Amino acid sequence: MLLHRHSSAGEKRDSPIDDRARPLDPVGRADARRLPWLLAGYSLEGIVSSPYRRCLESVEPLAVARSLEVEPADELAPDAALDDVKALLERLDDATLACTHREVLDRLFDGRLACEKGGTWMVERRGSLLVPVEYVPPPAVRDRQPASHGTLARSG
């Protein structure tokens, strides 16, 4: 399963727009357009997303490229209860990408999982646990990293 943090949408405290409607900024839109290329090697049969605009916009190009529908899921919203998030993720197929927010990732992994805006973690299920095994940085970050550093990062 892939857990994707939405692409850059600026800072919520700087936005006059309702947080649910905040769109991607130019960096976020560029990252979203490159997400299909970035995840080309991963099998995907489904995409679920927080219903927040920035999440939906983050995965739209990937959905189009893979001919998949994006399924909005309130369980991936920033204020979703941890039990609801876990229940959703347990129901999803392993070949699914779930787009969510930093707050959700922090709750799932007790704040121990670093994930930049537009970053993606491949996680494995081990019983009821989700174990992060591979990190794919967002395109904007990958472009700034030396080739030897830009492929994998492990969580310990």
N, C-alpha and C. Protein backbone atom coordinates (compact mmCIF):
# COMPACT_ATOMS: atom_id res chain seq x y z
N MET A 1 0.85 -1.17 0.00
CA MET A 1 0.00 0.00 0.00
C MET A 1 0.89 1.23 0.00
N LEU A 2 0.41 2.27 -0.66
CA LEU A 2 1.14 3.54 -0.69
C LEU A 2 0.37 4.59 0.11
N LEU A 3 1.08 5.29 0.99
CA LEU A 3 0.51 6.42 1.73
C LEU A 3 1.15 7.68 1.19
N HIS A 4 0.35 8.55 0.65
CA HIS A 4 0.84 9.77 0.00
C HIS A 4 0.38 10.99 0.79
N ARG A 5 1.33 11.87 1.11
CA ARG A 5 0.96 13.14 1.73
C ARG A 5 0.69 14.12 0.60
N HIS A 6 -0.41 14.84 0.67
CA HIS A 6 -0.77 15.76 -0.40
C HIS A 6 0.40 16.68 -0.76
N SER A 7 0.39 17.14 -1.98
CA SER A 7 1.43 18.05 -2.48
C SER A 7 1.26 19.44 -1.87
N SER A 8 2.20 20.29 -2.13
CA SER A 8 2.26 21.62 -1.52
C SER A 8 1.04 22.47 -1.87
N ALA A 9 0.47 23.05 -0.81
CA ALA A 9 -0.69 23.94 -0.96
C ALA A 9 -0.48 25.20 -0.13
N GLY A 10 0.76 25.58 0.05
CA GLY A 10 1.05 26.74 0.89
C GLY A 10 0.81 26.40 2.34
N GLU A 11 0.67 27.42 3.15
CA GLU A 11 0.45 27.23 4.58
C GLU A 11 -0.97 27.63 4.94
N LYS A 12 -1.64 26.79 5.73
CA LYS A 12 -3.04 27.06 6.06
C LYS A 12 -3.20 28.37 6.81
N ARG A 13 -2.23 28.74 7.62
CA ARG A 13 -2.38 30.00 8.37
C ARG A 13 -2.27 31.21 7.46
N ASP A 14 -1.66 31.04 6.27
CA ASP A 14 -1.51 32.15 5.33
C ASP A 14 -2.65 32.25 4.33
N SER A 15 -3.56 31.29 4.37
CA SER A 15 -4.61 31.23 3.35
C SER A 15 -5.92 31.83 3.86
N PRO A 16 -6.54 32.70 3.05
CA PRO A 16 -7.85 33.24 3.42
C PRO A 16 -8.98 32.28 3.07
N ILE A 17 -8.65 31.18 2.40
CA ILE A 17 -9.64 30.21 1.92
C ILE A 17 -9.92 29.18 3.02
N ASP A 18 -11.16 28.70 3.08
CA ASP A 18 -11.51 27.59 3.97
C ASP A 18 -10.52 26.46 3.73
N ASP A 19 -10.01 25.85 4.79
CA ASP A 19 -8.96 24.84 4.67
C ASP A 19 -9.35 23.68 3.77
N ARG A 20 -10.62 23.28 3.78
CA ARG A 20 -11.05 22.16 2.94
C ARG A 20 -10.93 22.50 1.44
N ALA A 21 -11.01 23.77 1.10
CA ALA A 21 -11.01 24.20 -0.30
C ALA A 21 -9.66 24.71 -0.78
N ARG A 22 -8.64 24.67 0.09
CA ARG A 22 -7.33 25.22 -0.29
C ARG A 22 -6.71 24.39 -1.41
N PRO A 23 -6.40 25.02 -2.56
CA PRO A 23 -5.85 24.29 -3.70
C PRO A 23 -4.33 24.13 -3.60
N LEU A 24 -3.81 23.32 -4.48
CA LEU A 24 -2.36 23.20 -4.59
C LEU A 24 -1.76 24.51 -5.07
N ASP A 25 -0.54 24.79 -4.63
CA ASP A 25 0.19 25.95 -5.13
C ASP A 25 0.98 25.51 -6.37
N PRO A 26 1.74 26.40 -7.02
CA PRO A 26 2.46 26.01 -8.24
C PRO A 26 3.41 24.82 -8.05
N VAL A 27 4.12 24.77 -6.93
CA VAL A 27 5.01 23.63 -6.68
C VAL A 27 4.19 22.36 -6.54
N GLY A 28 3.09 22.43 -5.82
CA GLY A 28 2.22 21.27 -5.64
C GLY A 28 1.62 20.77 -6.94
N ARG A 29 1.20 21.71 -7.79
CA ARG A 29 0.64 21.30 -9.10
C ARG A 29 1.71 20.61 -9.95
N ALA A 30 2.93 21.13 -9.91
CA ALA A 30 4.02 20.51 -10.68
C ALA A 30 4.31 19.11 -10.14
N ASP A 31 4.36 18.96 -8.81
CA ASP A 31 4.58 17.64 -8.22
C ASP A 31 3.47 16.67 -8.60
N ALA A 32 2.22 17.13 -8.56
CA ALA A 32 1.09 16.27 -8.90
C ALA A 32 1.18 15.80 -10.35
N ARG A 33 1.57 16.69 -11.24
CA ARG A 33 1.70 16.31 -12.66
C ARG A 33 2.78 15.25 -12.86
N ARG A 34 3.79 15.24 -12.00
CA ARG A 34 4.89 14.29 -12.14
C ARG A 34 4.70 13.02 -11.33
N LEU A 35 3.67 12.96 -10.51
CA LEU A 35 3.42 11.79 -9.68
C LEU A 35 3.24 10.51 -10.50
N PRO A 36 2.53 10.52 -11.63
CA PRO A 36 2.41 9.28 -12.42
C PRO A 36 3.77 8.72 -12.84
N TRP A 37 4.67 9.58 -13.23
CA TRP A 37 6.02 9.16 -13.61
C TRP A 37 6.76 8.61 -12.39
N LEU A 38 6.65 9.31 -11.28
CA LEU A 38 7.38 8.95 -10.07
C LEU A 38 6.95 7.58 -9.54
N LEU A 39 5.67 7.25 -9.67
CA LEU A 39 5.16 5.99 -9.15
C LEU A 39 4.92 4.95 -10.24
N ALA A 40 5.54 5.14 -11.38
CA ALA A 40 5.31 4.24 -12.52
C ALA A 40 5.63 2.78 -12.20
N GLY A 41 6.58 2.53 -11.33
CA GLY A 41 6.97 1.16 -11.01
C GLY A 41 6.09 0.47 -9.98
N TYR A 42 5.08 1.14 -9.48
CA TYR A 42 4.22 0.57 -8.44
C TYR A 42 2.88 0.15 -9.03
N SER A 43 2.44 -1.03 -8.67
CA SER A 43 1.13 -1.52 -9.10
C SER A 43 0.05 -0.80 -8.30
N LEU A 44 -0.92 -0.26 -9.00
CA LEU A 44 -2.04 0.42 -8.34
C LEU A 44 -3.35 -0.04 -8.95
N GLU A 45 -4.27 -0.42 -8.08
CA GLU A 45 -5.61 -0.80 -8.53
C GLU A 45 -6.68 0.11 -7.96
N GLY A 46 -6.27 1.01 -7.05
CA GLY A 46 -7.24 1.92 -6.46
C GLY A 46 -6.57 3.12 -5.85
N ILE A 47 -7.32 4.22 -5.78
CA ILE A 47 -6.84 5.45 -5.14
C ILE A 47 -7.97 5.96 -4.26
N VAL A 48 -7.65 6.18 -2.98
CA VAL A 48 -8.59 6.81 -2.06
C VAL A 48 -7.93 8.08 -1.56
N SER A 49 -8.74 9.07 -1.23
CA SER A 49 -8.18 10.36 -0.87
C SER A 49 -9.04 11.07 0.15
N SER A 50 -8.39 11.84 0.99
CA SER A 50 -9.11 12.81 1.81
C SER A 50 -9.96 13.65 0.85
N PRO A 51 -11.13 14.07 1.29
CA PRO A 51 -11.97 14.89 0.41
C PRO A 51 -11.49 16.34 0.29
N TYR A 52 -10.43 16.71 1.00
CA TYR A 52 -9.91 18.07 0.90
C TYR A 52 -9.35 18.30 -0.50
N ARG A 53 -9.58 19.49 -1.03
CA ARG A 53 -9.23 19.82 -2.41
C ARG A 53 -7.76 19.52 -2.72
N ARG A 54 -6.85 19.89 -1.82
CA ARG A 54 -5.42 19.70 -2.10
C ARG A 54 -5.06 18.22 -2.24
N CYS A 55 -5.75 17.35 -1.52
CA CYS A 55 -5.50 15.91 -1.68
C CYS A 55 -6.04 15.41 -3.02
N LEU A 56 -7.27 15.79 -3.32
CA LEU A 56 -7.86 15.35 -4.59
C LEU A 56 -7.04 15.83 -5.78
N GLU A 57 -6.59 17.08 -5.73
CA GLU A 57 -5.76 17.61 -6.82
C GLU A 57 -4.41 16.90 -6.89
N SER A 58 -3.89 16.46 -5.76
CA SER A 58 -2.59 15.79 -5.74
C SER A 58 -2.60 14.47 -6.50
N VAL A 59 -3.72 13.75 -6.44
CA VAL A 59 -3.77 12.42 -7.06
C VAL A 59 -4.52 12.39 -8.39
N GLU A 60 -5.12 13.50 -8.78
CA GLU A 60 -5.89 13.52 -10.03
C GLU A 60 -5.06 13.11 -11.25
N PRO A 61 -3.84 13.66 -11.45
CA PRO A 61 -3.06 13.22 -12.62
C PRO A 61 -2.71 11.73 -12.59
N LEU A 62 -2.46 11.20 -11.41
CA LEU A 62 -2.17 9.77 -11.28
C LEU A 62 -3.40 8.94 -11.64
N ALA A 63 -4.56 9.37 -11.16
CA ALA A 63 -5.80 8.65 -11.48
C ALA A 63 -6.07 8.66 -12.98
N VAL A 64 -5.87 9.81 -13.62
CA VAL A 64 -6.07 9.90 -15.07
C VAL A 64 -5.10 8.98 -15.80
N ALA A 65 -3.82 9.02 -15.40
CA ALA A 65 -2.79 8.21 -16.06
C ALA A 65 -3.07 6.71 -15.91
N ARG A 66 -3.65 6.31 -14.80
CA ARG A 66 -3.92 4.88 -14.53
C ARG A 66 -5.36 4.48 -14.85
N SER A 67 -6.16 5.41 -15.35
CA SER A 67 -7.58 5.16 -15.64
C SER A 67 -8.31 4.63 -14.41
N LEU A 68 -8.08 5.31 -13.28
CA LEU A 68 -8.72 4.95 -12.02
C LEU A 68 -9.58 6.10 -11.53
N GLU A 69 -10.61 5.78 -10.79
CA GLU A 69 -11.43 6.79 -10.12
C GLU A 69 -10.82 7.05 -8.75
N VAL A 70 -10.91 8.29 -8.29
CA VAL A 70 -10.49 8.62 -6.94
C VAL A 70 -11.70 8.51 -6.03
N GLU A 71 -11.56 7.71 -4.98
CA GLU A 71 -12.64 7.53 -4.02
C GLU A 71 -12.39 8.45 -2.82
N PRO A 72 -13.20 9.48 -2.63
CA PRO A 72 -13.04 10.34 -1.45
C PRO A 72 -13.37 9.55 -0.18
N ALA A 73 -12.59 9.79 0.87
CA ALA A 73 -12.80 9.09 2.13
C ALA A 73 -12.59 10.06 3.29
N ASP A 74 -13.66 10.35 4.02
CA ASP A 74 -13.56 11.24 5.18
C ASP A 74 -12.57 10.71 6.22
N GLU A 75 -12.34 9.41 6.23
CA GLU A 75 -11.40 8.80 7.18
C GLU A 75 -9.96 9.25 6.96
N LEU A 76 -9.68 9.91 5.85
CA LEU A 76 -8.32 10.40 5.56
C LEU A 76 -8.17 11.90 5.78
N ALA A 77 -9.24 12.55 6.25
CA ALA A 77 -9.20 14.00 6.53
C ALA A 77 -8.32 14.26 7.76
N PRO A 78 -7.80 15.49 7.89
CA PRO A 78 -6.87 15.78 8.99
C PRO A 78 -7.43 15.54 10.39
N ASP A 79 -8.73 15.70 10.56
CA ASP A 79 -9.32 15.55 11.89
C ASP A 79 -9.99 14.20 12.10
N ALA A 80 -9.76 13.24 11.20
CA ALA A 80 -10.37 11.92 11.32
C ALA A 80 -9.85 11.19 12.57
N ALA A 81 -10.72 10.44 13.20
CA ALA A 81 -10.33 9.65 14.36
C ALA A 81 -9.37 8.53 13.94
N LEU A 82 -8.37 8.29 14.76
CA LEU A 82 -7.35 7.28 14.44
C LEU A 82 -7.98 5.92 14.18
N ASP A 83 -8.96 5.52 14.98
CA ASP A 83 -9.61 4.22 14.77
C ASP A 83 -10.28 4.15 13.40
N ASP A 84 -10.87 5.26 12.95
CA ASP A 84 -11.51 5.29 11.63
C ASP A 84 -10.46 5.18 10.51
N VAL A 85 -9.34 5.86 10.68
CA VAL A 85 -8.25 5.78 9.69
C VAL A 85 -7.76 4.34 9.58
N LYS A 86 -7.48 3.74 10.73
CA LYS A 86 -6.97 2.36 10.74
C LYS A 86 -7.97 1.39 10.12
N ALA A 87 -9.25 1.55 10.45
CA ALA A 87 -10.27 0.66 9.89
C ALA A 87 -10.32 0.77 8.37
N LEU A 88 -10.25 1.99 7.84
CA LEU A 88 -10.24 2.18 6.39
C LEU A 88 -9.02 1.50 5.77
N LEU A 89 -7.84 1.77 6.30
CA LEU A 89 -6.62 1.21 5.73
C LEU A 89 -6.61 -0.31 5.78
N GLU A 90 -7.21 -0.90 6.81
CA GLU A 90 -7.29 -2.37 6.90
C GLU A 90 -8.18 -2.95 5.80
N ARG A 91 -9.19 -2.18 5.37
CA ARG A 91 -10.12 -2.66 4.33
C ARG A 91 -9.54 -2.54 2.92
N LEU A 92 -8.57 -1.68 2.74
CA LEU A 92 -8.06 -1.41 1.40
C LEU A 92 -7.16 -2.53 0.89
N ASP A 93 -7.20 -2.71 -0.42
CA ASP A 93 -6.32 -3.66 -1.09
C ASP A 93 -4.88 -3.16 -1.00
N ASP A 94 -3.92 -4.08 -1.03
CA ASP A 94 -2.51 -3.69 -0.97
C ASP A 94 -2.08 -2.83 -2.14
N ALA A 95 -2.75 -2.93 -3.27
CA ALA A 95 -2.39 -2.15 -4.46
C ALA A 95 -3.18 -0.85 -4.51
N THR A 96 -3.28 -0.18 -3.36
CA THR A 96 -4.04 1.06 -3.25
C THR A 96 -3.12 2.18 -2.79
N LEU A 97 -3.36 3.38 -3.31
CA LEU A 97 -2.70 4.57 -2.81
C LEU A 97 -3.74 5.36 -2.02
N ALA A 98 -3.36 5.76 -0.81
CA ALA A 98 -4.22 6.59 0.04
C ALA A 98 -3.55 7.94 0.21
N CYS A 99 -4.24 9.00 -0.19
CA CYS A 99 -3.71 10.36 -0.06
C CYS A 99 -4.31 11.02 1.18
N THR A 100 -3.42 11.55 2.01
CA THR A 100 -3.87 12.11 3.27
C THR A 100 -3.02 13.31 3.69
N HIS A 101 -3.01 13.60 4.97
CA HIS A 101 -2.40 14.80 5.53
C HIS A 101 -1.34 14.43 6.57
N ARG A 102 -0.46 15.37 6.86
CA ARG A 102 0.57 15.17 7.87
C ARG A 102 -0.03 14.74 9.20
N GLU A 103 -1.13 15.38 9.59
CA GLU A 103 -1.76 15.06 10.88
C GLU A 103 -2.14 13.59 10.98
N VAL A 104 -2.64 13.03 9.89
CA VAL A 104 -3.04 11.62 9.88
C VAL A 104 -1.81 10.73 9.97
N LEU A 105 -0.79 11.05 9.18
CA LEU A 105 0.44 10.26 9.24
C LEU A 105 1.08 10.33 10.63
N ASP A 106 1.05 11.51 11.24
CA ASP A 106 1.59 11.66 12.60
C ASP A 106 0.84 10.76 13.59
N ARG A 107 -0.49 10.71 13.48
CA ARG A 107 -1.25 9.86 14.40
C ARG A 107 -0.99 8.37 14.13
N LEU A 108 -0.91 8.00 12.87
CA LEU A 108 -0.69 6.60 12.53
C LEU A 108 0.65 6.09 13.04
N PHE A 109 1.68 6.93 12.97
CA PHE A 109 3.04 6.50 13.28
C PHE A 109 3.63 7.24 14.47
N ASP A 110 2.78 7.76 15.34
CA ASP A 110 3.21 8.45 16.57
C ASP A 110 4.26 9.53 16.31
N GLY A 111 4.13 10.24 15.19
CA GLY A 111 5.03 11.34 14.88
C GLY A 111 6.44 10.91 14.49
N ARG A 112 6.66 9.61 14.27
CA ARG A 112 8.01 9.11 13.96
C ARG A 112 8.29 8.97 12.47
N LEU A 113 7.33 9.31 11.63
CA LEU A 113 7.48 9.12 10.19
C LEU A 113 7.58 10.47 9.50
N ALA A 114 8.75 10.78 8.97
CA ALA A 114 8.92 12.02 8.22
C ALA A 114 8.37 11.83 6.81
N CYS A 115 7.59 12.80 6.35
CA CYS A 115 7.05 12.74 5.00
C CYS A 115 6.81 14.17 4.53
N GLU A 116 7.54 14.57 3.52
CA GLU A 116 7.39 15.92 2.98
C GLU A 116 6.10 16.02 2.18
N LYS A 117 5.64 17.25 1.96
CA LYS A 117 4.47 17.45 1.11
C LYS A 117 4.78 16.86 -0.26
N GLY A 118 3.89 15.98 -0.72
CA GLY A 118 4.08 15.32 -2.01
C GLY A 118 4.90 14.04 -1.92
N GLY A 119 5.30 13.65 -0.70
CA GLY A 119 6.06 12.41 -0.51
C GLY A 119 5.14 11.21 -0.38
N THR A 120 5.70 10.04 -0.64
CA THR A 120 4.93 8.80 -0.62
C THR A 120 5.70 7.71 0.13
N TRP A 121 5.03 7.04 1.03
CA TRP A 121 5.61 5.89 1.72
C TRP A 121 4.94 4.62 1.22
N MET A 122 5.75 3.61 0.89
CA MET A 122 5.24 2.27 0.68
C MET A 122 5.24 1.62 2.06
N VAL A 123 4.10 1.07 2.44
CA VAL A 123 3.99 0.39 3.73
C VAL A 123 3.56 -1.05 3.51
N GLU A 124 4.05 -1.91 4.38
CA GLU A 124 3.65 -3.31 4.38
C GLU A 124 2.79 -3.58 5.59
N ARG A 125 1.86 -4.49 5.43
CA ARG A 125 1.03 -4.92 6.56
C ARG A 125 1.73 -6.08 7.24
N ARG A 126 1.84 -5.97 8.54
CA ARG A 126 2.36 -7.07 9.36
C ARG A 126 1.35 -7.25 10.49
N GLY A 127 0.42 -8.16 10.23
CA GLY A 127 -0.72 -8.29 11.14
C GLY A 127 -1.56 -7.04 11.04
N SER A 128 -1.80 -6.39 12.16
CA SER A 128 -2.58 -5.16 12.15
C SER A 128 -1.69 -3.92 12.07
N LEU A 129 -0.39 -4.12 11.97
CA LEU A 129 0.55 -3.00 11.90
C LEU A 129 0.85 -2.61 10.46
N LEU A 130 1.03 -1.32 10.23
CA LEU A 130 1.55 -0.82 8.96
C LEU A 130 3.01 -0.47 9.20
N VAL A 131 3.88 -1.04 8.39
CA VAL A 131 5.32 -0.84 8.57
C VAL A 131 5.86 -0.11 7.35
N PRO A 132 6.40 1.11 7.54
CA PRO A 132 6.99 1.84 6.42
C PRO A 132 8.26 1.14 5.94
N VAL A 133 8.36 0.91 4.62
CA VAL A 133 9.54 0.20 4.10
C VAL A 133 10.30 0.98 3.03
N GLU A 134 9.65 1.89 2.35
CA GLU A 134 10.34 2.64 1.29
C GLU A 134 9.72 4.02 1.17
N TYR A 135 10.58 5.04 1.05
CA TYR A 135 10.11 6.41 0.91
C TYR A 135 10.43 6.92 -0.47
N VAL A 136 9.45 7.53 -1.11
CA VAL A 136 9.63 8.16 -2.41
C VAL A 136 9.43 9.66 -2.20
N PRO A 137 10.52 10.45 -2.23
CA PRO A 137 10.37 11.89 -2.04
C PRO A 137 9.58 12.53 -3.17
N PRO A 138 8.99 13.69 -2.91
CA PRO A 138 8.26 14.38 -3.97
C PRO A 138 9.23 14.80 -5.09
N PRO A 139 8.72 14.97 -6.30
CA PRO A 139 9.60 15.33 -7.43
C PRO A 139 10.44 16.57 -7.16
N ALA A 140 9.89 17.60 -6.56
CA ALA A 140 10.65 18.83 -6.33
C ALA A 140 11.85 18.57 -5.44
N VAL A 141 11.72 17.66 -4.47
CA VAL A 141 12.83 17.33 -3.58
C VAL A 141 13.81 16.40 -4.28
N ARG A 142 13.31 15.42 -5.02
CA ARG A 142 14.18 14.48 -5.74
C ARG A 142 15.11 15.24 -6.68
N ASP A 143 14.59 16.29 -7.32
CA ASP A 143 15.38 17.06 -8.28
C ASP A 143 16.57 17.76 -7.61
N ARG A 144 16.46 18.04 -6.32
CA ARG A 144 17.53 18.75 -5.61
C ARG A 144 18.54 17.80 -4.98
N GLN A 145 18.25 16.49 -4.93
CA GLN A 145 19.12 15.54 -4.25
C GLN A 145 20.11 14.93 -5.21
N PRO A 146 21.33 14.57 -4.72
CA PRO A 146 22.26 13.82 -5.54
C PRO A 146 21.65 12.46 -5.89
N ALA A 147 22.02 11.90 -7.00
CA ALA A 147 21.44 10.64 -7.48
C ALA A 147 21.57 9.53 -6.44
N SER A 148 22.64 9.48 -5.70
CA SER A 148 22.85 8.41 -4.74
C SER A 148 21.93 8.53 -3.52
N HIS A 149 21.33 9.68 -3.30
CA HIS A 149 20.51 9.91 -2.11
C HIS A 149 19.01 9.86 -2.41
N GLY A 150 18.63 9.96 -3.65
CA GLY A 150 17.23 10.18 -3.99
C GLY A 150 16.36 8.97 -4.17
N THR A 151 16.81 7.75 -3.83
CA THR A 151 15.98 6.61 -4.10
C THR A 151 15.20 6.11 -2.90
N LEU A 152 15.87 5.66 -1.86
CA LEU A 152 15.18 5.06 -0.74
C LEU A 152 15.58 5.71 0.58
N ALA A 153 14.65 5.73 1.47
CA ALA A 153 14.95 6.10 2.85
C ALA A 153 14.21 5.12 3.73
N ARG A 154 14.83 4.63 4.73
CA ARG A 154 14.23 3.63 5.61
C ARG A 154 13.75 4.27 6.90
N SER A 155 12.70 3.73 7.44
CA SER A 155 12.21 4.15 8.76
C SER A 155 12.68 3.13 9.77
N GLY A 156 13.14 3.58 10.91
CA GLY A 156 13.66 2.63 11.86
C GLY A 156 12.95 2.61 13.14
